[in-house]
Amino acid sequence: MREWTEKKDSQKEQTHTRFFLSSLCTKDKSRAAQAARGHWAIENRNHYKRDASPWQEDRHRHRRPNAALNLALTRNALLAIIPFDSGQPLSHFFELYHRHPPQALTLILHARPLL
């Protein structure tokens, strides 16, 4: 169980509770907490890359479910091969590959996913 208080407005303070189900022993609380936090680790690491970029994933609603799934798969693949270790934001890579299409094709055809 996790409890937290949302304080957006001093007049409207809300308390939230999350419950997690697990087959772990109740004595091992730290392992259970680690598993709950770890579940969202990948999403938390990549969300800013997706939403603070021209993709603006949180704003888009697709009428056809397959379109949304195909875009998500394509974006996940691109996030796996773009070399973020240089410290540049996703918008930098959009601009770079937009200006240099052969470099973008080289990235797609020869890159190995960063794990």
N, C-alpha and C. Protein backbone atom coordinates (compact mmCIF):
# COMPACT_ATOMS: atom_id res chain seq x y z
N MET A 1 0.84 -1.17 0.00
CA MET A 1 0.00 0.00 0.00
C MET A 1 0.90 1.25 0.00
N ARG A 2 0.46 2.25 -0.73
CA ARG A 2 1.19 3.52 -0.76
C ARG A 2 0.18 4.64 -0.63
N GLU A 3 0.47 5.60 0.23
CA GLU A 3 -0.40 6.76 0.40
C GLU A 3 0.39 8.03 0.12
N TRP A 4 -0.25 8.99 -0.51
CA TRP A 4 0.36 10.29 -0.75
C TRP A 4 -0.72 11.34 -0.83
N THR A 5 -0.33 12.60 -0.63
CA THR A 5 -1.26 13.71 -0.64
C THR A 5 -0.93 14.65 -1.79
N GLU A 6 -1.94 14.97 -2.56
CA GLU A 6 -1.79 15.88 -3.69
C GLU A 6 -2.14 17.28 -3.20
N LYS A 7 -1.24 18.23 -3.40
CA LYS A 7 -1.44 19.59 -2.89
C LYS A 7 -1.37 20.62 -4.01
N LYS A 8 -2.23 20.49 -5.00
CA LYS A 8 -2.26 21.46 -6.08
C LYS A 8 -2.84 22.78 -5.60
N ASP A 9 -3.83 22.69 -4.78
CA ASP A 9 -4.51 23.88 -4.28
C ASP A 9 -4.71 23.67 -2.78
N SER A 10 -4.37 24.67 -1.99
CA SER A 10 -4.48 24.51 -0.53
C SER A 10 -5.91 24.24 -0.09
N GLN A 11 -6.89 24.66 -0.88
CA GLN A 11 -8.29 24.43 -0.54
C GLN A 11 -8.76 23.02 -0.90
N LYS A 12 -8.08 22.41 -1.87
CA LYS A 12 -8.50 21.10 -2.37
C LYS A 12 -7.40 20.06 -2.21
N GLU A 13 -7.10 19.71 -1.00
CA GLU A 13 -6.08 18.71 -0.74
C GLU A 13 -6.70 17.33 -0.84
N GLN A 14 -6.08 16.44 -1.64
CA GLN A 14 -6.61 15.10 -1.83
C GLN A 14 -5.59 14.06 -1.41
N THR A 15 -6.06 13.02 -0.77
CA THR A 15 -5.20 11.92 -0.36
C THR A 15 -5.52 10.71 -1.24
N HIS A 16 -4.47 10.06 -1.72
CA HIS A 16 -4.62 8.90 -2.60
C HIS A 16 -3.98 7.68 -1.94
N THR A 17 -4.55 6.53 -2.19
CA THR A 17 -4.00 5.28 -1.70
C THR A 17 -3.91 4.30 -2.85
N ARG A 18 -2.77 3.66 -2.99
CA ARG A 18 -2.59 2.60 -3.99
C ARG A 18 -2.38 1.30 -3.27
N PHE A 19 -2.98 0.25 -3.80
CA PHE A 19 -2.80 -1.08 -3.25
C PHE A 19 -2.12 -1.95 -4.31
N PHE A 20 -1.18 -2.78 -3.89
CA PHE A 20 -0.47 -3.66 -4.79
C PHE A 20 -0.69 -5.10 -4.33
N LEU A 21 -0.97 -5.98 -5.27
CA LEU A 21 -1.13 -7.40 -4.99
C LEU A 21 0.14 -8.12 -5.36
N SER A 22 0.56 -9.04 -4.50
CA SER A 22 1.79 -9.76 -4.76
C SER A 22 1.75 -11.11 -4.06
N SER A 23 2.55 -12.03 -4.56
CA SER A 23 2.68 -13.33 -3.90
C SER A 23 3.86 -13.34 -2.95
N LEU A 24 4.53 -12.19 -2.78
CA LEU A 24 5.66 -12.09 -1.86
C LEU A 24 5.18 -12.18 -0.42
N CYS A 25 6.04 -12.68 0.43
CA CYS A 25 5.74 -12.78 1.85
C CYS A 25 5.59 -11.36 2.44
N THR A 26 4.65 -11.18 3.36
CA THR A 26 4.42 -9.85 3.95
C THR A 26 5.61 -9.38 4.79
N LYS A 27 6.48 -10.30 5.21
CA LYS A 27 7.66 -9.91 5.99
C LYS A 27 8.69 -9.19 5.13
N ASP A 28 8.64 -9.41 3.83
CA ASP A 28 9.63 -8.84 2.91
C ASP A 28 9.11 -7.56 2.26
N LYS A 29 8.82 -6.55 3.08
CA LYS A 29 8.22 -5.31 2.59
C LYS A 29 9.15 -4.54 1.66
N SER A 30 10.44 -4.52 1.93
CA SER A 30 11.35 -3.75 1.08
C SER A 30 11.40 -4.33 -0.33
N ARG A 31 11.35 -5.65 -0.44
CA ARG A 31 11.37 -6.27 -1.77
C ARG A 31 10.08 -5.96 -2.52
N ALA A 32 8.96 -5.96 -1.81
CA ALA A 32 7.67 -5.63 -2.43
C ALA A 32 7.67 -4.18 -2.91
N ALA A 33 8.19 -3.27 -2.10
CA ALA A 33 8.24 -1.86 -2.50
C ALA A 33 9.16 -1.68 -3.70
N GLN A 34 10.27 -2.38 -3.71
CA GLN A 34 11.21 -2.30 -4.83
C GLN A 34 10.55 -2.82 -6.11
N ALA A 35 9.79 -3.89 -6.02
CA ALA A 35 9.10 -4.44 -7.20
C ALA A 35 8.06 -3.46 -7.73
N ALA A 36 7.32 -2.81 -6.84
CA ALA A 36 6.30 -1.84 -7.27
C ALA A 36 6.94 -0.64 -7.95
N ARG A 37 8.05 -0.14 -7.40
CA ARG A 37 8.75 1.00 -8.01
C ARG A 37 9.41 0.60 -9.33
N GLY A 38 10.00 -0.58 -9.35
CA GLY A 38 10.69 -1.04 -10.54
C GLY A 38 9.76 -1.28 -11.71
N HIS A 39 8.51 -1.58 -11.43
CA HIS A 39 7.52 -1.84 -12.48
C HIS A 39 7.39 -0.65 -13.42
N TRP A 40 7.49 0.56 -12.88
CA TRP A 40 7.31 1.76 -13.68
C TRP A 40 8.62 2.43 -14.06
N ALA A 41 9.75 1.83 -13.76
CA ALA A 41 11.04 2.47 -14.00
C ALA A 41 11.27 2.82 -15.47
N ILE A 42 10.95 1.90 -16.36
CA ILE A 42 11.18 2.16 -17.79
C ILE A 42 10.26 3.28 -18.26
N GLU A 43 9.01 3.22 -17.88
CA GLU A 43 8.06 4.27 -18.28
C GLU A 43 8.52 5.63 -17.77
N ASN A 44 8.95 5.69 -16.53
CA ASN A 44 9.39 6.96 -15.96
C ASN A 44 10.63 7.50 -16.65
N ARG A 45 11.56 6.62 -17.05
CA ARG A 45 12.78 7.07 -17.72
C ARG A 45 12.50 7.59 -19.13
N ASN A 46 11.51 7.03 -19.80
CA ASN A 46 11.27 7.39 -21.20
C ASN A 46 10.15 8.39 -21.41
N HIS A 47 9.32 8.64 -20.42
CA HIS A 47 8.15 9.50 -20.62
C HIS A 47 8.55 10.90 -21.06
N TYR A 48 9.55 11.48 -20.41
CA TYR A 48 9.93 12.85 -20.79
C TYR A 48 10.47 12.90 -22.21
N LYS A 49 11.13 11.83 -22.65
CA LYS A 49 11.65 11.80 -24.02
C LYS A 49 10.50 11.81 -25.02
N ARG A 50 9.42 11.14 -24.68
CA ARG A 50 8.30 11.03 -25.59
C ARG A 50 7.42 12.27 -25.57
N ASP A 51 7.16 12.80 -24.38
CA ASP A 51 6.17 13.87 -24.28
C ASP A 51 6.77 15.26 -24.46
N ALA A 52 8.04 15.44 -24.15
CA ALA A 52 8.67 16.75 -24.29
C ALA A 52 9.32 16.89 -25.67
N SER A 53 8.79 16.19 -26.61
CA SER A 53 9.33 16.21 -27.97
C SER A 53 8.19 16.51 -28.94
N PRO A 54 8.51 16.66 -30.21
CA PRO A 54 7.44 16.88 -31.20
C PRO A 54 6.42 15.74 -31.27
N TRP A 55 6.74 14.58 -30.70
CA TRP A 55 5.75 13.49 -30.71
C TRP A 55 4.51 13.85 -29.89
N GLN A 56 4.69 14.51 -28.76
CA GLN A 56 3.57 14.92 -27.89
C GLN A 56 2.57 13.77 -27.72
N GLU A 57 3.06 12.61 -27.29
CA GLU A 57 2.23 11.42 -27.22
C GLU A 57 0.99 11.58 -26.35
N ASP A 58 1.09 12.31 -25.26
CA ASP A 58 -0.06 12.43 -24.36
C ASP A 58 -1.21 13.22 -24.98
N ARG A 59 -0.94 14.00 -25.99
CA ARG A 59 -1.99 14.81 -26.63
C ARG A 59 -2.72 14.09 -27.76
N HIS A 60 -2.13 13.04 -28.28
CA HIS A 60 -2.70 12.38 -29.45
C HIS A 60 -3.68 11.29 -29.08
N ARG A 61 -4.80 11.29 -29.76
CA ARG A 61 -5.80 10.24 -29.62
C ARG A 61 -6.09 9.72 -31.01
N HIS A 62 -5.88 8.45 -31.21
CA HIS A 62 -6.08 7.86 -32.53
C HIS A 62 -7.40 7.11 -32.57
N ARG A 63 -8.10 7.27 -33.65
CA ARG A 63 -9.40 6.60 -33.79
C ARG A 63 -9.26 5.13 -34.10
N ARG A 64 -8.19 4.78 -34.78
CA ARG A 64 -7.95 3.38 -35.13
C ARG A 64 -6.92 2.80 -34.17
N PRO A 65 -7.28 1.75 -33.43
CA PRO A 65 -6.35 1.17 -32.46
C PRO A 65 -5.03 0.70 -33.10
N ASN A 66 -5.08 0.16 -34.31
CA ASN A 66 -3.86 -0.32 -34.95
C ASN A 66 -2.90 0.82 -35.25
N ALA A 67 -3.42 1.99 -35.57
CA ALA A 67 -2.55 3.15 -35.84
C ALA A 67 -1.77 3.51 -34.57
N ALA A 68 -2.45 3.54 -33.45
CA ALA A 68 -1.79 3.87 -32.19
C ALA A 68 -0.74 2.81 -31.83
N LEU A 69 -1.06 1.55 -32.02
CA LEU A 69 -0.12 0.48 -31.72
C LEU A 69 1.10 0.53 -32.63
N ASN A 70 0.88 0.77 -33.92
CA ASN A 70 2.00 0.86 -34.85
C ASN A 70 2.91 2.04 -34.54
N LEU A 71 2.32 3.18 -34.20
CA LEU A 71 3.14 4.34 -33.82
C LEU A 71 3.94 4.06 -32.55
N ALA A 72 3.31 3.42 -31.58
CA ALA A 72 4.01 3.10 -30.33
C ALA A 72 5.17 2.15 -30.59
N LEU A 73 4.96 1.13 -31.41
CA LEU A 73 6.04 0.19 -31.73
C LEU A 73 7.19 0.89 -32.45
N THR A 74 6.86 1.74 -33.40
CA THR A 74 7.89 2.47 -34.15
C THR A 74 8.67 3.39 -33.22
N ARG A 75 7.97 4.11 -32.36
CA ARG A 75 8.63 5.03 -31.44
C ARG A 75 9.50 4.28 -30.44
N ASN A 76 9.02 3.14 -29.94
CA ASN A 76 9.82 2.34 -29.02
C ASN A 76 11.10 1.87 -29.69
N ALA A 77 11.00 1.43 -30.95
CA ALA A 77 12.19 0.99 -31.69
C ALA A 77 13.17 2.14 -31.86
N LEU A 78 12.68 3.31 -32.21
CA LEU A 78 13.56 4.46 -32.39
C LEU A 78 14.22 4.87 -31.08
N LEU A 79 13.47 4.84 -29.99
CA LEU A 79 14.06 5.19 -28.69
C LEU A 79 15.15 4.20 -28.30
N ALA A 80 15.02 2.95 -28.76
CA ALA A 80 16.01 1.94 -28.42
C ALA A 80 17.31 2.12 -29.19
N ILE A 81 17.26 2.74 -30.38
CA ILE A 81 18.49 2.84 -31.18
C ILE A 81 19.10 4.24 -31.23
N ILE A 82 18.37 5.26 -30.83
CA ILE A 82 18.93 6.62 -30.82
C ILE A 82 19.99 6.71 -29.73
N PRO A 83 21.17 7.22 -30.04
CA PRO A 83 22.28 7.26 -29.07
C PRO A 83 22.15 8.39 -28.04
N PHE A 84 21.32 8.21 -27.04
CA PHE A 84 21.10 9.24 -26.03
C PHE A 84 22.30 9.42 -25.11
N ASP A 85 23.28 8.54 -25.20
CA ASP A 85 24.45 8.66 -24.32
C ASP A 85 25.24 9.94 -24.58
N SER A 86 24.97 10.61 -25.70
CA SER A 86 25.65 11.89 -25.97
C SER A 86 25.06 13.03 -25.14
N GLY A 87 23.94 12.78 -24.46
CA GLY A 87 23.33 13.78 -23.59
C GLY A 87 22.40 14.75 -24.29
N GLN A 88 22.19 14.56 -25.57
CA GLN A 88 21.32 15.46 -26.33
C GLN A 88 19.85 15.06 -26.16
N PRO A 89 18.93 16.03 -26.21
CA PRO A 89 17.50 15.71 -26.12
C PRO A 89 16.98 15.12 -27.44
N LEU A 90 15.83 14.53 -27.39
CA LEU A 90 15.23 13.91 -28.56
C LEU A 90 15.04 14.90 -29.70
N SER A 91 14.70 16.15 -29.38
CA SER A 91 14.50 17.16 -30.42
C SER A 91 15.77 17.38 -31.24
N HIS A 92 16.94 17.26 -30.61
CA HIS A 92 18.21 17.37 -31.33
C HIS A 92 18.31 16.30 -32.41
N PHE A 93 17.93 15.08 -32.06
CA PHE A 93 18.01 13.98 -33.02
C PHE A 93 16.97 14.13 -34.12
N PHE A 94 15.79 14.66 -33.80
CA PHE A 94 14.78 14.93 -34.83
C PHE A 94 15.36 15.87 -35.88
N GLU A 95 15.97 16.95 -35.41
CA GLU A 95 16.54 17.95 -36.32
C GLU A 95 17.70 17.36 -37.12
N LEU A 96 18.57 16.63 -36.44
CA LEU A 96 19.73 16.03 -37.10
C LEU A 96 19.31 15.09 -38.23
N TYR A 97 18.41 14.18 -37.93
CA TYR A 97 18.01 13.18 -38.93
C TYR A 97 17.09 13.77 -39.99
N HIS A 98 16.39 14.83 -39.67
CA HIS A 98 15.57 15.52 -40.67
C HIS A 98 16.47 16.19 -41.71
N ARG A 99 17.57 16.78 -41.25
CA ARG A 99 18.50 17.46 -42.16
C ARG A 99 19.42 16.49 -42.91
N HIS A 100 19.60 15.29 -42.37
CA HIS A 100 20.53 14.32 -42.96
C HIS A 100 19.86 12.95 -43.10
N PRO A 101 18.94 12.80 -44.05
CA PRO A 101 18.23 11.51 -44.22
C PRO A 101 19.15 10.30 -44.39
N PRO A 102 20.28 10.39 -45.10
CA PRO A 102 21.14 9.21 -45.19
C PRO A 102 21.67 8.75 -43.82
N GLN A 103 21.91 9.71 -42.95
CA GLN A 103 22.37 9.37 -41.60
C GLN A 103 21.26 8.66 -40.82
N ALA A 104 20.01 9.08 -41.03
CA ALA A 104 18.88 8.42 -40.39
C ALA A 104 18.74 6.98 -40.87
N LEU A 105 18.88 6.77 -42.17
CA LEU A 105 18.81 5.41 -42.71
C LEU A 105 19.93 4.54 -42.19
N THR A 106 21.12 5.10 -42.07
CA THR A 106 22.25 4.35 -41.50
C THR A 106 21.95 3.95 -40.06
N LEU A 107 21.39 4.87 -39.30
CA LEU A 107 21.02 4.56 -37.92
C LEU A 107 20.05 3.39 -37.88
N ILE A 108 19.01 3.45 -38.69
CA ILE A 108 17.97 2.41 -38.67
C ILE A 108 18.52 1.07 -39.15
N LEU A 109 19.34 1.08 -40.18
CA LEU A 109 19.81 -0.18 -40.76
C LEU A 109 20.97 -0.84 -40.00
N HIS A 110 21.76 -0.03 -39.28
CA HIS A 110 22.97 -0.60 -38.67
C HIS A 110 23.04 -0.51 -37.15
N ALA A 111 22.11 0.16 -36.54
CA ALA A 111 22.20 0.35 -35.08
C ALA A 111 21.82 -0.93 -34.35
N ARG A 112 22.40 -1.06 -33.18
CA ARG A 112 22.05 -2.13 -32.25
C ARG A 112 21.33 -1.49 -31.08
N PRO A 113 20.24 -2.07 -30.61
CA PRO A 113 19.51 -1.48 -29.49
C PRO A 113 20.40 -1.32 -28.26
N LEU A 114 20.22 -0.20 -27.57
CA LEU A 114 20.93 0.06 -26.33
C LEU A 114 20.08 -0.49 -25.20
N LEU A 115 20.59 -1.40 -24.46
CA LEU A 115 19.82 -2.02 -23.39
C LEU A 115 20.25 -1.54 -22.05
